[in-house]
Amino acid sequence: MKVSIFALGRTGLPLSLVSADSGFEVHGIDINKELVHQIQQGIAPFYEPMMDTLLTKHLHKNFFPKTKIDDSVKQSEYLILAIGTKFSRYPERASLTNLYTVIDQIRTMGVKGKTIILRITLPIGTTDEIKQRIEQDGLQEGKDFFLAFVPERLMEGKAVEEEKSLPKVIGCYNDASFKKVKYFFEKIGGDIVRVSNPKIAEFIKLMDNSWRNTCFAFANEVAFLSEANDLNGIEAIEAGNKGFQRNQVPSPGPVSGYCLGKDPYLLEVSFDKQLVRGFNSVWFYGRQVNDWLCVKIAKEAVGKNVLVAGISFKENIDDFRNSHSIDIINLLKAEDFSIMVTDPYLDKGSYTHLPSYLDDSVKKCTFMEGIQQADTIIFSTAHKEYRTIDIKEFLRTVKKGAKVIDLWNIYRNKLEDAKQIQYTALGRGDLR
């Protein structure tokens, strides 16, 4: 059975390969010619465990990456859209131009008898709009074509594993569509969870990420309060959590990325009608807290030269999109600091290039080069390379009197007593 998956990014490519591994003939379409050429050569554009193995196993056998709709795509029974949406900050609305462009392309191609699955983060109600758009062609959903929203909830670094195992929430309009979508995802793996309509499924995707963001925001507020009162917030969290399962406060730290960085704001767009009460949602303010962390850190930099160590939004992940580190760099840039950046993934993949507007305003360097020159060192991402540094070598190399800002408490009990540097860590008011 033929399946076509539109967009070969961090959702579409793992799904394509898992689908091929599940017995489907998969055609992956992406307008990025360079990306498709790279995949056609057997080179993954980003790292995910097991993805290289699946690419080698299925490329040109039952996985066919391409840039255009061809006869095989037209013959596909399943059309799965994994196209990213452009969105930055509330109250801005998401741009769905790319999604509707593809919807119109497949309408022109013909969707009669096909099952369309949306595997994207969307504002609540978008699937309804797409249904209406296609039905303008004289087709009836559930009879002439089948439509569903199935939220993607994969964790980067576990995308292949979780695609095969996580529950699949299916939001559709009728039994006929559910039967079609269920057949596909039962082959992929994971429990099937049917909800009453696509709006519920769209809501679940945004709700999940807004919940996680809000939990982390609470931890960051604990950290800010600890610093203001000269308290060790990390000790408080760990002691409070021990043996007390009702309240498990997470560790504080930056919260960003392609999902958590935007989804609370995207959900807030649907919350607008509630604003007659005069204030926003708890997840909106949670996102504001996590955004403010970047402002706070930029204000704590001293001297002239600042090294930002770690650009990825999350440790051991090769993805710089919507990263808190980019926000910190922009804030430092506005204050005329001389900025150096280092990251073990820098320029090694499709998702690890700095924004082009930073090309002339930051210096790329190795970690050791940076610490020799930096007046302030910000450990922004807790990559394993930073967790395992030789502390003695670091202290021999670092500039005397440098300020070290440890956003993840990586060097707790390691640098706290070092006399030649100023060591601070998020939530450690006792160090001030």
Foldseek 3Di string as FASTA:
>chain_A
DEEEEEDCPPQRVLVQLLLVVLPYQYEYEYQPPVQLVCLLVLHHQFDAPPSSVSSVVPRPNRYHYDHDDDPSNLPGQEYEYADEWDDAFPPDAIDCVVVVVVLVVVLVSPAFNHEYEYAYQDFQPVQVVSQVVSCVVVDHELHGYHYWYWYDDDDGRCNNVCQAAAETEIFGADPSNVVVVVVSSVSSHYHYHYDHHRSVNSVVLLVVLLVVLLLLLVQLVLLVVLQVVLHQSVVVQVVVVPPDPVDNRDHHFAAWDPRNQPSLRSHQNVVVVVCVVPDGDSSSVSNVSNLCVLVVVLVPADDAEEEEEDQPQEAPGQANPGHSSLVNVVSNVVVNHAYEYEYPNAPVRPRRDDPPVCPPRYHYDYPLVRQQPHLEYEDRYPYPVVLPDDLVVSLVRGDFAREYEYARCSQPVNCLPPPRYQYDYRSNNNSD
